[in-house]
């Protein structure tokens, strides 16, 4: 997977949750990786927003926890989170591990 990851089909479900389909060119050819992200003000640190990223393949009922991080609370939270995901090498590593996991188990 190479950065930046250009995200499409972002669907904001409410003020603290959104989801999107990860483009297949950044998911080792998988066209059906759905990312879900929940976020909110960090407890004890109102200057940051904490987000948790989850992934699943297709219409699977099971979502897998992939990553958590904090971003600045200034500006638009969704844009800050997407920028962090695009630039964060640890997020990239975790996504690669997730893709390996689903491929080994044929999920």
N, C-alpha and C. Protein backbone atom coordinates (compact mmCIF):
# COMPACT_ATOMS: atom_id res chain seq x y z
N UNK A 1 0.85 -1.17 0.00
CA UNK A 1 0.00 0.00 0.00
C UNK A 1 0.90 1.23 0.00
N UNK A 2 0.62 2.17 -0.88
CA UNK A 2 1.40 3.39 -0.93
C UNK A 2 0.54 4.56 -0.51
N UNK A 3 1.16 5.53 0.12
CA UNK A 3 0.45 6.73 0.54
C UNK A 3 0.67 7.83 -0.49
N UNK A 4 -0.20 8.81 -0.64
CA UNK A 4 -1.42 8.94 0.15
C UNK A 4 -2.54 8.02 -0.33
N UNK A 5 -3.39 7.65 0.57
CA UNK A 5 -4.58 6.88 0.23
C UNK A 5 -5.66 7.90 -0.12
N UNK A 6 -6.13 7.88 -1.36
CA UNK A 6 -7.20 8.79 -1.75
C UNK A 6 -8.52 8.09 -1.48
N UNK A 7 -9.31 8.67 -0.62
CA UNK A 7 -10.54 8.04 -0.18
C UNK A 7 -11.72 8.53 -1.01
N UNK A 8 -12.65 7.63 -1.29
CA UNK A 8 -13.85 8.02 -2.01
C UNK A 8 -15.06 7.43 -1.31
N UNK A 9 -16.21 7.91 -1.70
CA UNK A 9 -17.47 7.44 -1.13
C UNK A 9 -17.51 7.61 0.39
N UNK A 10 -17.09 8.76 0.87
CA UNK A 10 -17.16 9.02 2.31
C UNK A 10 -18.60 9.33 2.66
N UNK A 11 -19.11 8.60 3.62
CA UNK A 11 -20.49 8.77 4.05
C UNK A 11 -20.49 9.14 5.53
N UNK A 12 -20.81 10.40 5.82
CA UNK A 12 -20.88 10.84 7.21
C UNK A 12 -22.24 10.42 7.75
N UNK A 13 -22.23 9.51 8.72
CA UNK A 13 -23.48 8.98 9.28
C UNK A 13 -24.06 9.90 10.35
N UNK A 14 -23.20 10.47 11.16
CA UNK A 14 -23.60 11.48 12.15
C UNK A 14 -22.36 12.25 12.54
N UNK A 15 -22.45 13.13 13.51
CA UNK A 15 -21.32 14.02 13.81
C UNK A 15 -20.09 13.31 14.35
N UNK A 16 -20.22 12.05 14.78
CA UNK A 16 -19.05 11.36 15.33
C UNK A 16 -18.80 9.98 14.70
N UNK A 17 -19.32 9.78 13.47
CA UNK A 17 -19.15 8.49 12.80
C UNK A 17 -19.24 8.67 11.29
N UNK A 18 -18.28 8.08 10.57
CA UNK A 18 -18.36 8.07 9.12
C UNK A 18 -17.76 6.77 8.59
N UNK A 19 -18.05 6.49 7.33
CA UNK A 19 -17.50 5.28 6.72
C UNK A 19 -17.18 5.57 5.25
N UNK A 20 -16.34 4.71 4.68
CA UNK A 20 -15.97 4.86 3.28
C UNK A 20 -15.44 3.54 2.76
N UNK A 21 -15.44 3.42 1.44
CA UNK A 21 -14.85 2.25 0.78
C UNK A 21 -13.40 2.58 0.47
N UNK A 22 -12.51 1.70 0.84
CA UNK A 22 -11.09 1.89 0.54
C UNK A 22 -10.86 1.53 -0.92
N UNK A 23 -10.30 2.44 -1.72
CA UNK A 23 -10.07 2.12 -3.14
C UNK A 23 -9.21 0.87 -3.30
N UNK A 24 -9.58 0.03 -4.26
CA UNK A 24 -8.89 -1.25 -4.43
C UNK A 24 -7.41 -1.10 -4.73
N UNK A 25 -7.02 -0.01 -5.36
CA UNK A 25 -5.59 0.16 -5.66
C UNK A 25 -4.76 0.34 -4.40
N UNK A 26 -5.39 0.66 -3.28
CA UNK A 26 -4.68 0.80 -2.02
C UNK A 26 -4.99 -0.34 -1.05
N UNK A 27 -5.73 -1.34 -1.54
CA UNK A 27 -6.11 -2.47 -0.69
C UNK A 27 -5.72 -3.78 -1.36
N UNK A 28 -4.57 -3.79 -2.00
CA UNK A 28 -4.05 -4.99 -2.66
C UNK A 28 -5.08 -5.64 -3.59
N UNK A 29 -5.84 -4.82 -4.29
CA UNK A 29 -6.79 -5.32 -5.26
C UNK A 29 -8.16 -5.65 -4.71
N UNK A 30 -8.33 -5.63 -3.41
CA UNK A 30 -9.65 -5.90 -2.82
C UNK A 30 -10.54 -4.70 -3.06
N UNK A 31 -11.70 -4.94 -3.66
CA UNK A 31 -12.62 -3.86 -3.98
C UNK A 31 -13.69 -3.67 -2.92
N UNK A 32 -13.65 -4.46 -1.89
CA UNK A 32 -14.77 -4.47 -0.96
C UNK A 32 -14.36 -4.22 0.49
N UNK A 33 -13.34 -3.41 0.71
CA UNK A 33 -12.92 -3.10 2.08
C UNK A 33 -13.66 -1.84 2.53
N UNK A 34 -14.46 -1.99 3.57
CA UNK A 34 -15.18 -0.86 4.13
C UNK A 34 -14.52 -0.42 5.42
N UNK A 35 -14.27 0.86 5.55
CA UNK A 35 -13.71 1.44 6.76
C UNK A 35 -14.81 2.18 7.50
N UNK A 36 -14.85 2.02 8.81
CA UNK A 36 -15.76 2.77 9.68
C UNK A 36 -14.91 3.48 10.72
N UNK A 37 -15.25 4.73 10.98
CA UNK A 37 -14.47 5.53 11.92
C UNK A 37 -15.40 6.21 12.90
N UNK A 38 -15.16 5.97 14.18
CA UNK A 38 -15.88 6.67 15.24
C UNK A 38 -14.90 7.63 15.89
N UNK A 39 -15.38 8.80 16.29
CA UNK A 39 -14.47 9.80 16.86
C UNK A 39 -15.19 10.69 17.85
N UNK A 40 -14.41 11.32 18.73
CA UNK A 40 -14.96 12.25 19.71
C UNK A 40 -13.84 12.95 20.46
N UNK A 41 -14.21 13.98 21.18
CA UNK A 41 -13.22 14.73 21.97
C UNK A 41 -12.51 13.76 22.92
N UNK A 42 -11.21 13.93 23.02
CA UNK A 42 -10.41 13.10 23.89
C UNK A 42 -10.70 13.44 25.34
N UNK A 43 -10.96 12.44 26.15
CA UNK A 43 -11.21 12.66 27.57
C UNK A 43 -9.94 13.21 28.22
N UNK A 44 -10.07 14.32 28.89
CA UNK A 44 -8.93 14.91 29.58
C UNK A 44 -8.05 15.78 28.69
N UNK A 45 -8.38 15.89 27.41
CA UNK A 45 -7.58 16.71 26.49
C UNK A 45 -8.51 17.28 25.42
N UNK A 46 -9.12 18.42 25.69
CA UNK A 46 -10.09 18.99 24.76
C UNK A 46 -9.46 19.56 23.50
N UNK A 47 -8.13 19.55 23.42
CA UNK A 47 -7.45 20.04 22.22
C UNK A 47 -7.31 18.98 21.14
N UNK A 48 -7.71 17.74 21.45
CA UNK A 48 -7.59 16.66 20.47
C UNK A 48 -8.89 15.87 20.34
N UNK A 49 -9.00 15.19 19.23
CA UNK A 49 -10.09 14.27 18.95
C UNK A 49 -9.45 12.88 18.81
N UNK A 50 -10.02 11.89 19.49
CA UNK A 50 -9.55 10.51 19.37
C UNK A 50 -10.45 9.80 18.37
N UNK A 51 -9.82 9.02 17.49
CA UNK A 51 -10.63 8.22 16.56
C UNK A 51 -10.21 6.76 16.61
N UNK A 52 -11.19 5.91 16.33
CA UNK A 52 -10.98 4.47 16.22
C UNK A 52 -11.42 4.06 14.82
N UNK A 53 -10.54 3.35 14.12
CA UNK A 53 -10.84 2.89 12.76
C UNK A 53 -11.08 1.39 12.77
N UNK A 54 -12.14 0.98 12.09
CA UNK A 54 -12.53 -0.43 11.98
C UNK A 54 -12.61 -0.78 10.50
N UNK A 55 -12.34 -2.03 10.17
CA UNK A 55 -12.40 -2.47 8.78
C UNK A 55 -13.18 -3.78 8.68
N UNK A 56 -13.82 -3.95 7.54
CA UNK A 56 -14.47 -5.22 7.25
C UNK A 56 -14.46 -5.43 5.75
N UNK A 57 -14.60 -6.67 5.38
CA UNK A 57 -14.63 -7.01 3.96
C UNK A 57 -16.07 -7.22 3.54
N UNK A 58 -16.45 -6.53 2.49
CA UNK A 58 -17.79 -6.70 1.93
C UNK A 58 -18.88 -6.44 2.95
N UNK A 59 -19.86 -7.31 2.92
CA UNK A 59 -21.00 -7.19 3.82
C UNK A 59 -20.85 -8.06 5.06
N UNK A 60 -19.62 -8.36 5.43
CA UNK A 60 -19.38 -9.17 6.61
C UNK A 60 -20.04 -8.55 7.83
N UNK A 61 -20.51 -9.37 8.71
CA UNK A 61 -21.10 -8.88 9.95
C UNK A 61 -20.04 -8.52 10.98
N UNK A 62 -18.81 -8.94 10.74
CA UNK A 62 -17.73 -8.73 11.70
C UNK A 62 -16.83 -7.60 11.23
N UNK A 63 -16.64 -6.60 12.11
CA UNK A 63 -15.69 -5.53 11.85
C UNK A 63 -14.48 -5.78 12.73
N UNK A 64 -13.31 -5.48 12.20
CA UNK A 64 -12.06 -5.68 12.92
C UNK A 64 -11.46 -4.32 13.29
N UNK A 65 -11.07 -4.21 14.55
CA UNK A 65 -10.41 -2.98 15.00
C UNK A 65 -9.06 -2.90 14.32
N UNK A 66 -8.75 -1.73 13.72
CA UNK A 66 -7.52 -1.57 12.98
C UNK A 66 -6.58 -0.57 13.62
N UNK A 67 -7.11 0.55 14.11
CA UNK A 67 -6.21 1.63 14.51
C UNK A 67 -6.93 2.66 15.38
N UNK A 68 -6.16 3.29 16.27
CA UNK A 68 -6.66 4.43 17.03
C UNK A 68 -5.57 5.49 17.07
N UNK A 69 -6.00 6.74 17.09
CA UNK A 69 -5.04 7.84 17.16
C UNK A 69 -5.77 9.11 17.57
N UNK A 70 -5.00 10.15 17.81
CA UNK A 70 -5.55 11.48 18.13
C UNK A 70 -5.15 12.47 17.06
N UNK A 71 -6.05 13.42 16.79
CA UNK A 71 -5.79 14.50 15.85
C UNK A 71 -6.20 15.81 16.51
N UNK A 72 -5.71 16.94 16.00
CA UNK A 72 -6.11 18.23 16.57
C UNK A 72 -7.62 18.43 16.50
N UNK A 73 -8.17 19.07 17.51
CA UNK A 73 -9.61 19.32 17.57
C UNK A 73 -10.01 20.57 16.77
N UNK A 74 -9.04 21.27 16.22
CA UNK A 74 -9.34 22.47 15.44
C UNK A 74 -9.79 22.08 14.03
N UNK A 75 -10.66 22.88 13.45
CA UNK A 75 -11.13 22.61 12.09
C UNK A 75 -12.11 21.45 12.03
N UNK A 76 -12.21 20.86 10.86
CA UNK A 76 -13.15 19.77 10.61
C UNK A 76 -12.54 18.43 11.04
N UNK A 77 -13.20 17.75 11.96
CA UNK A 77 -12.67 16.49 12.50
C UNK A 77 -12.49 15.44 11.40
N UNK A 78 -13.46 15.31 10.50
CA UNK A 78 -13.38 14.30 9.45
C UNK A 78 -12.15 14.55 8.57
N UNK A 79 -11.94 15.78 8.16
CA UNK A 79 -10.78 16.10 7.33
C UNK A 79 -9.47 15.85 8.08
N UNK A 80 -9.43 16.19 9.37
CA UNK A 80 -8.22 15.95 10.16
C UNK A 80 -7.93 14.46 10.28
N UNK A 81 -8.97 13.66 10.47
CA UNK A 81 -8.80 12.21 10.59
C UNK A 81 -8.34 11.61 9.28
N UNK A 82 -8.97 12.01 8.17
CA UNK A 82 -8.58 11.49 6.87
C UNK A 82 -7.14 11.88 6.53
N UNK A 83 -6.76 13.10 6.87
CA UNK A 83 -5.38 13.52 6.64
C UNK A 83 -4.41 12.66 7.45
N UNK A 84 -4.77 12.38 8.70
CA UNK A 84 -3.91 11.54 9.54
C UNK A 84 -3.79 10.13 8.96
N UNK A 85 -4.91 9.57 8.51
CA UNK A 85 -4.88 8.23 7.93
C UNK A 85 -4.01 8.20 6.67
N UNK A 86 -4.07 9.27 5.89
CA UNK A 86 -3.26 9.34 4.67
C UNK A 86 -1.78 9.44 4.95
N UNK A 87 -1.40 10.03 6.08
CA UNK A 87 0.01 10.31 6.36
C UNK A 87 0.63 9.40 7.41
N UNK A 88 -0.17 8.61 8.08
CA UNK A 88 0.31 7.85 9.23
C UNK A 88 0.81 6.47 8.81
N UNK A 89 2.10 6.24 8.95
CA UNK A 89 2.69 4.95 8.56
C UNK A 89 2.20 3.81 9.44
N UNK A 90 1.89 4.09 10.70
CA UNK A 90 1.36 3.02 11.57
C UNK A 90 -0.02 2.57 11.09
N UNK A 91 -0.83 3.52 10.62
CA UNK A 91 -2.13 3.14 10.06
C UNK A 91 -1.92 2.27 8.83
N UNK A 92 -1.01 2.65 7.98
CA UNK A 92 -0.71 1.87 6.78
C UNK A 92 -0.28 0.45 7.15
N UNK A 93 0.60 0.33 8.14
CA UNK A 93 1.06 -0.99 8.59
C UNK A 93 -0.11 -1.84 9.09
N UNK A 94 -1.00 -1.23 9.86
CA UNK A 94 -2.14 -1.97 10.41
C UNK A 94 -3.09 -2.41 9.30
N UNK A 95 -3.27 -1.57 8.28
CA UNK A 95 -4.12 -1.97 7.16
C UNK A 95 -3.49 -3.12 6.39
N UNK A 96 -2.19 -3.09 6.22
CA UNK A 96 -1.52 -4.21 5.56
C UNK A 96 -1.70 -5.49 6.36
N UNK A 97 -1.62 -5.40 7.68
CA UNK A 97 -1.83 -6.58 8.53
C UNK A 97 -3.27 -7.08 8.40
N UNK A 98 -4.23 -6.17 8.34
CA UNK A 98 -5.63 -6.56 8.18
C UNK A 98 -5.83 -7.30 6.85
N UNK A 99 -5.27 -6.78 5.78
CA UNK A 99 -5.42 -7.41 4.47
C UNK A 99 -4.76 -8.80 4.47
N UNK A 100 -3.60 -8.92 5.07
CA UNK A 100 -2.95 -10.24 5.20
C UNK A 100 -3.85 -11.18 5.99
N UNK A 101 -4.44 -10.69 7.07
CA UNK A 101 -5.30 -11.49 7.93
C UNK A 101 -6.50 -12.04 7.14
N UNK A 102 -7.18 -11.19 6.39
CA UNK A 102 -8.37 -11.66 5.66
C UNK A 102 -7.98 -12.59 4.52
N UNK A 103 -6.82 -12.35 3.91
CA UNK A 103 -6.39 -13.23 2.82
C UNK A 103 -6.02 -14.62 3.34
N UNK A 104 -5.33 -14.71 4.46
CA UNK A 104 -4.94 -16.00 5.03
C UNK A 104 -6.16 -16.83 5.44
N UNK A 105 -7.20 -16.15 5.88
CA UNK A 105 -8.39 -16.85 6.36
C UNK A 105 -9.49 -16.91 5.32
N UNK A 106 -9.20 -16.37 4.12
CA UNK A 106 -10.18 -16.32 3.03
C UNK A 106 -11.51 -15.76 3.51
N UNK A 107 -11.41 -14.65 4.22
CA UNK A 107 -12.62 -13.99 4.75
C UNK A 107 -13.20 -13.02 3.74
